[in-house]
Amino acid sequence: MPKQPDMNALLKQAQQMQQQLIEAQAAAAGEVYEGQSGGGVVRVRVTGGMDFESVEIDPAAVAPDDVEMLQDLVLAAVRDAVGKVEAASETAMGGLDLGGLGGLLG
């Protein structure tokens, strides 16, 4: 008969993991990420908490007869910034120590 896991130890590990997650989320929320498009003519800054801080557009990117191009550049920069936040979040989550929970969860 396999040995049953110590529930107190598992609870303690779960609490430690929760604390690590909270700390990782707080650290990520404080970071600022920049997404770019068009070789940097459009830049978007966003925090890890998904608070968009700014959009910068180089005047050279503003062509009155091609507003659709500018819209595409802004959208691409936003997607780039969000992708960087998601990548940083995944990296932070990957660094969590699951301890004995890793065997039970995986």
N, C-alpha and C. Protein backbone atom coordinates (compact mmCIF):
# COMPACT_ATOMS: atom_id res chain seq x y z
N MET A 1 0.85 -1.18 0.00
CA MET A 1 0.00 0.00 0.00
C MET A 1 0.89 1.25 0.00
N PRO A 2 0.67 2.17 -0.96
CA PRO A 2 1.52 3.36 -1.03
C PRO A 2 1.30 4.26 0.19
N LYS A 3 2.38 4.94 0.57
CA LYS A 3 2.31 5.85 1.71
C LYS A 3 1.47 7.07 1.34
N GLN A 4 0.55 7.43 2.21
CA GLN A 4 -0.31 8.59 1.99
C GLN A 4 0.50 9.87 2.25
N PRO A 5 0.27 10.90 1.45
CA PRO A 5 1.00 12.15 1.67
C PRO A 5 0.59 12.80 3.00
N ASP A 6 1.53 13.48 3.62
CA ASP A 6 1.28 14.21 4.85
C ASP A 6 0.48 15.46 4.48
N MET A 7 -0.77 15.51 4.88
CA MET A 7 -1.66 16.61 4.49
C MET A 7 -1.17 17.95 5.04
N ASN A 8 -0.61 17.95 6.24
CA ASN A 8 -0.09 19.21 6.80
C ASN A 8 1.08 19.73 5.96
N ALA A 9 1.95 18.82 5.53
CA ALA A 9 3.08 19.22 4.70
C ALA A 9 2.60 19.74 3.34
N LEU A 10 1.58 19.06 2.79
CA LEU A 10 1.04 19.51 1.50
C LEU A 10 0.38 20.88 1.62
N LEU A 11 -0.32 21.10 2.72
CA LEU A 11 -0.96 22.39 2.95
C LEU A 11 0.09 23.49 3.08
N LYS A 12 1.16 23.20 3.80
CA LYS A 12 2.23 24.17 3.96
C LYS A 12 2.87 24.49 2.61
N GLN A 13 3.11 23.46 1.78
CA GLN A 13 3.68 23.67 0.46
C GLN A 13 2.74 24.50 -0.42
N ALA A 14 1.44 24.22 -0.31
CA ALA A 14 0.47 24.98 -1.10
C ALA A 14 0.47 26.44 -0.68
N GLN A 15 0.59 26.70 0.62
CA GLN A 15 0.63 28.07 1.10
C GLN A 15 1.90 28.78 0.63
N GLN A 16 3.04 28.07 0.65
CA GLN A 16 4.29 28.64 0.17
C GLN A 16 4.19 28.96 -1.32
N MET A 17 3.60 28.04 -2.07
CA MET A 17 3.44 28.25 -3.51
C MET A 17 2.54 29.45 -3.77
N GLN A 18 1.47 29.59 -2.99
CA GLN A 18 0.57 30.72 -3.15
C GLN A 18 1.32 32.03 -2.86
N GLN A 19 2.14 32.04 -1.84
CA GLN A 19 2.92 33.24 -1.50
C GLN A 19 3.90 33.57 -2.62
N GLN A 20 4.56 32.54 -3.18
CA GLN A 20 5.48 32.77 -4.29
C GLN A 20 4.75 33.34 -5.49
N LEU A 21 3.54 32.85 -5.75
CA LEU A 21 2.74 33.34 -6.87
C LEU A 21 2.38 34.81 -6.66
N ILE A 22 1.97 35.15 -5.44
CA ILE A 22 1.62 36.53 -5.14
C ILE A 22 2.83 37.44 -5.34
N GLU A 23 3.99 37.00 -4.86
CA GLU A 23 5.22 37.79 -5.01
C GLU A 23 5.61 37.94 -6.47
N ALA A 24 5.48 36.85 -7.25
CA ALA A 24 5.81 36.91 -8.68
C ALA A 24 4.87 37.85 -9.42
N GLN A 25 3.58 37.80 -9.08
CA GLN A 25 2.61 38.68 -9.73
C GLN A 25 2.88 40.15 -9.37
N ALA A 26 3.23 40.40 -8.11
CA ALA A 26 3.52 41.77 -7.70
C ALA A 26 4.75 42.30 -8.41
N ALA A 27 5.77 41.45 -8.53
CA ALA A 27 7.00 41.87 -9.23
C ALA A 27 6.70 42.16 -10.70
N ALA A 28 5.93 41.29 -11.34
CA ALA A 28 5.60 41.48 -12.75
C ALA A 28 4.74 42.72 -12.95
N ALA A 29 3.82 42.99 -12.03
CA ALA A 29 2.95 44.15 -12.16
C ALA A 29 3.75 45.44 -12.10
N GLY A 30 4.87 45.43 -11.39
CA GLY A 30 5.69 46.63 -11.27
C GLY A 30 6.60 46.88 -12.45
N GLU A 31 6.80 45.88 -13.28
CA GLU A 31 7.67 46.03 -14.45
C GLU A 31 6.94 46.75 -15.57
N VAL A 32 7.69 47.45 -16.40
CA VAL A 32 7.12 48.13 -17.56
C VAL A 32 7.71 47.50 -18.81
N TYR A 33 6.86 47.17 -19.75
CA TYR A 33 7.27 46.52 -21.00
C TYR A 33 6.91 47.45 -22.16
N GLU A 34 7.75 47.41 -23.19
CA GLU A 34 7.50 48.24 -24.35
C GLU A 34 7.32 47.37 -25.58
N GLY A 35 6.21 47.57 -26.26
CA GLY A 35 5.97 46.91 -27.54
C GLY A 35 6.22 47.90 -28.65
N GLN A 36 6.73 47.39 -29.78
CA GLN A 36 7.05 48.26 -30.91
C GLN A 36 6.53 47.67 -32.19
N SER A 37 6.37 48.54 -33.16
CA SER A 37 6.07 48.08 -34.52
C SER A 37 6.63 49.10 -35.50
N GLY A 38 6.71 48.69 -36.74
CA GLY A 38 7.21 49.58 -37.78
C GLY A 38 8.64 50.05 -37.53
N GLY A 39 9.45 49.15 -36.96
CA GLY A 39 10.82 49.52 -36.68
C GLY A 39 10.95 50.56 -35.58
N GLY A 40 9.95 50.64 -34.72
CA GLY A 40 9.99 51.55 -33.59
C GLY A 40 9.25 52.86 -33.81
N VAL A 41 8.57 53.01 -34.94
CA VAL A 41 7.83 54.26 -35.16
C VAL A 41 6.59 54.35 -34.28
N VAL A 42 6.11 53.18 -33.81
CA VAL A 42 5.01 53.15 -32.85
C VAL A 42 5.49 52.34 -31.66
N ARG A 43 5.37 52.95 -30.46
CA ARG A 43 5.78 52.28 -29.22
C ARG A 43 4.67 52.38 -28.20
N VAL A 44 4.42 51.26 -27.51
CA VAL A 44 3.40 51.20 -26.47
C VAL A 44 4.06 50.71 -25.20
N ARG A 45 3.81 51.39 -24.08
CA ARG A 45 4.35 50.97 -22.78
C ARG A 45 3.20 50.48 -21.91
N VAL A 46 3.42 49.30 -21.29
CA VAL A 46 2.39 48.69 -20.44
C VAL A 46 3.08 48.04 -19.25
N THR A 47 2.40 48.06 -18.11
CA THR A 47 2.95 47.40 -16.92
C THR A 47 2.58 45.92 -16.97
N GLY A 48 3.25 45.15 -16.13
CA GLY A 48 2.92 43.73 -16.03
C GLY A 48 1.50 43.49 -15.54
N GLY A 49 0.91 44.50 -14.91
CA GLY A 49 -0.48 44.41 -14.47
C GLY A 49 -1.46 44.84 -15.56
N MET A 50 -0.95 45.01 -16.78
CA MET A 50 -1.75 45.38 -17.96
C MET A 50 -2.33 46.79 -17.87
N ASP A 51 -1.61 47.70 -17.22
CA ASP A 51 -1.98 49.10 -17.19
C ASP A 51 -1.19 49.79 -18.30
N PHE A 52 -1.88 50.19 -19.36
CA PHE A 52 -1.21 50.83 -20.49
C PHE A 52 -0.85 52.26 -20.10
N GLU A 53 0.45 52.57 -20.19
CA GLU A 53 0.95 53.86 -19.75
C GLU A 53 1.04 54.89 -20.86
N SER A 54 1.47 54.46 -22.04
CA SER A 54 1.64 55.45 -23.10
C SER A 54 1.66 54.81 -24.47
N VAL A 55 1.36 55.64 -25.45
CA VAL A 55 1.49 55.29 -26.87
C VAL A 55 2.27 56.44 -27.50
N GLU A 56 3.38 56.10 -28.15
CA GLU A 56 4.19 57.11 -28.83
C GLU A 56 4.20 56.79 -30.33
N ILE A 57 3.92 57.82 -31.11
CA ILE A 57 3.88 57.65 -32.57
C ILE A 57 4.81 58.68 -33.19
N ASP A 58 5.78 58.19 -33.93
CA ASP A 58 6.69 59.07 -34.65
C ASP A 58 5.88 59.81 -35.72
N PRO A 59 6.02 61.13 -35.81
CA PRO A 59 5.26 61.89 -36.82
C PRO A 59 5.44 61.34 -38.24
N ALA A 60 6.57 60.72 -38.51
CA ALA A 60 6.78 60.16 -39.85
C ALA A 60 5.79 59.04 -40.17
N ALA A 61 5.20 58.44 -39.12
CA ALA A 61 4.25 57.35 -39.34
C ALA A 61 2.84 57.86 -39.63
N VAL A 62 2.63 59.16 -39.49
CA VAL A 62 1.30 59.73 -39.67
C VAL A 62 1.15 60.22 -41.11
N ALA A 63 0.40 59.45 -41.87
CA ALA A 63 0.12 59.81 -43.26
C ALA A 63 -1.40 59.95 -43.38
N PRO A 64 -1.91 61.16 -43.56
CA PRO A 64 -3.36 61.37 -43.60
C PRO A 64 -4.08 60.49 -44.62
N ASP A 65 -3.39 60.12 -45.68
CA ASP A 65 -4.04 59.30 -46.70
C ASP A 65 -3.92 57.81 -46.42
N ASP A 66 -3.28 57.43 -45.29
CA ASP A 66 -3.12 56.00 -44.97
C ASP A 66 -3.32 55.77 -43.47
N VAL A 67 -4.48 56.15 -42.96
CA VAL A 67 -4.81 55.98 -41.55
C VAL A 67 -4.83 54.49 -41.19
N GLU A 68 -5.26 53.66 -42.11
CA GLU A 68 -5.32 52.21 -41.84
C GLU A 68 -3.94 51.65 -41.49
N MET A 69 -2.90 52.13 -42.13
CA MET A 69 -1.54 51.67 -41.84
C MET A 69 -1.17 52.03 -40.40
N LEU A 70 -1.49 53.25 -39.98
CA LEU A 70 -1.20 53.68 -38.61
C LEU A 70 -1.98 52.83 -37.61
N GLN A 71 -3.23 52.56 -37.90
CA GLN A 71 -4.04 51.72 -37.02
C GLN A 71 -3.40 50.33 -36.89
N ASP A 72 -2.94 49.78 -37.98
CA ASP A 72 -2.29 48.47 -37.95
C ASP A 72 -1.01 48.51 -37.13
N LEU A 73 -0.24 49.59 -37.26
CA LEU A 73 1.00 49.74 -36.49
C LEU A 73 0.72 49.82 -34.99
N VAL A 74 -0.31 50.58 -34.61
CA VAL A 74 -0.67 50.69 -33.19
C VAL A 74 -1.11 49.34 -32.65
N LEU A 75 -1.95 48.65 -33.40
CA LEU A 75 -2.42 47.33 -32.98
C LEU A 75 -1.25 46.35 -32.84
N ALA A 76 -0.33 46.38 -33.77
CA ALA A 76 0.83 45.49 -33.71
C ALA A 76 1.71 45.80 -32.49
N ALA A 77 1.86 47.08 -32.16
CA ALA A 77 2.66 47.46 -31.00
C ALA A 77 1.97 47.02 -29.71
N VAL A 78 0.65 47.14 -29.64
CA VAL A 78 -0.10 46.69 -28.46
C VAL A 78 0.07 45.18 -28.30
N ARG A 79 -0.08 44.45 -29.39
CA ARG A 79 0.08 42.99 -29.33
C ARG A 79 1.49 42.61 -28.90
N ASP A 80 2.49 43.34 -29.37
CA ASP A 80 3.88 43.07 -29.00
C ASP A 80 4.07 43.29 -27.50
N ALA A 81 3.53 44.38 -26.98
CA ALA A 81 3.65 44.68 -25.55
C ALA A 81 2.96 43.62 -24.71
N VAL A 82 1.75 43.24 -25.08
CA VAL A 82 1.02 42.22 -24.34
C VAL A 82 1.76 40.89 -24.40
N GLY A 83 2.32 40.57 -25.54
CA GLY A 83 3.10 39.33 -25.67
C GLY A 83 4.29 39.32 -24.72
N LYS A 84 4.93 40.47 -24.53
CA LYS A 84 6.07 40.56 -23.61
C LYS A 84 5.62 40.38 -22.17
N VAL A 85 4.46 40.94 -21.81
CA VAL A 85 3.92 40.76 -20.46
C VAL A 85 3.60 39.28 -20.23
N GLU A 86 2.97 38.65 -21.20
CA GLU A 86 2.62 37.23 -21.06
C GLU A 86 3.86 36.36 -20.94
N ALA A 87 4.88 36.65 -21.72
CA ALA A 87 6.12 35.88 -21.66
C ALA A 87 6.78 36.04 -20.29
N ALA A 88 6.78 37.26 -19.76
CA ALA A 88 7.37 37.50 -18.44
C ALA A 88 6.58 36.77 -17.37
N SER A 89 5.27 36.74 -17.50
CA SER A 89 4.41 36.06 -16.54
C SER A 89 4.67 34.55 -16.56
N GLU A 90 4.80 34.00 -17.76
CA GLU A 90 5.09 32.56 -17.88
C GLU A 90 6.45 32.23 -17.29
N THR A 91 7.42 33.11 -17.50
CA THR A 91 8.75 32.89 -16.93
C THR A 91 8.68 32.91 -15.42
N ALA A 92 7.94 33.86 -14.86
CA ALA A 92 7.80 33.96 -13.41
C ALA A 92 7.10 32.72 -12.86
N MET A 93 6.08 32.26 -13.54
CA MET A 93 5.34 31.06 -13.09
C MET A 93 6.22 29.83 -13.19
N GLY A 94 7.06 29.77 -14.20
CA GLY A 94 7.95 28.62 -14.38
C GLY A 94 9.00 28.55 -13.29
N GLY A 95 9.26 29.67 -12.65
CA GLY A 95 10.26 29.70 -11.59
C GLY A 95 9.73 29.32 -10.22
N LEU A 96 8.43 29.05 -10.12
CA LEU A 96 7.86 28.68 -8.83
C LEU A 96 8.33 27.30 -8.42
N ASP A 97 8.62 27.15 -7.15
CA ASP A 97 9.04 25.87 -6.60
C ASP A 97 7.79 25.13 -6.12
N LEU A 98 7.42 24.07 -6.84
CA LEU A 98 6.23 23.31 -6.47
C LEU A 98 6.50 22.28 -5.38
N GLY A 99 7.76 22.05 -5.06
CA GLY A 99 8.09 21.09 -4.01
C GLY A 99 7.41 19.75 -4.25
N GLY A 100 6.85 19.17 -3.23
CA GLY A 100 6.17 17.88 -3.32
C GLY A 100 4.89 17.94 -4.12
N LEU A 101 4.35 19.15 -4.32
CA LEU A 101 3.11 19.27 -5.09
C LEU A 101 3.34 18.94 -6.56
N GLY A 102 4.56 19.14 -7.04
CA GLY A 102 4.84 18.89 -8.45
C GLY A 102 4.50 17.48 -8.85
N GLY A 103 4.81 16.51 -8.00
CA GLY A 103 4.51 15.11 -8.29
C GLY A 103 3.02 14.83 -8.29
N LEU A 104 2.29 15.53 -7.43
CA LEU A 104 0.86 15.30 -7.35
C LEU A 104 0.11 16.00 -8.48
N LEU A 105 0.64 17.16 -8.90
CA LEU A 105 -0.04 17.94 -9.94
C LEU A 105 0.31 17.48 -11.33
N GLY A 106 1.49 16.92 -11.50
CA GLY A 106 1.95 16.59 -12.85
C GLY A 106 1.86 15.20 -13.09
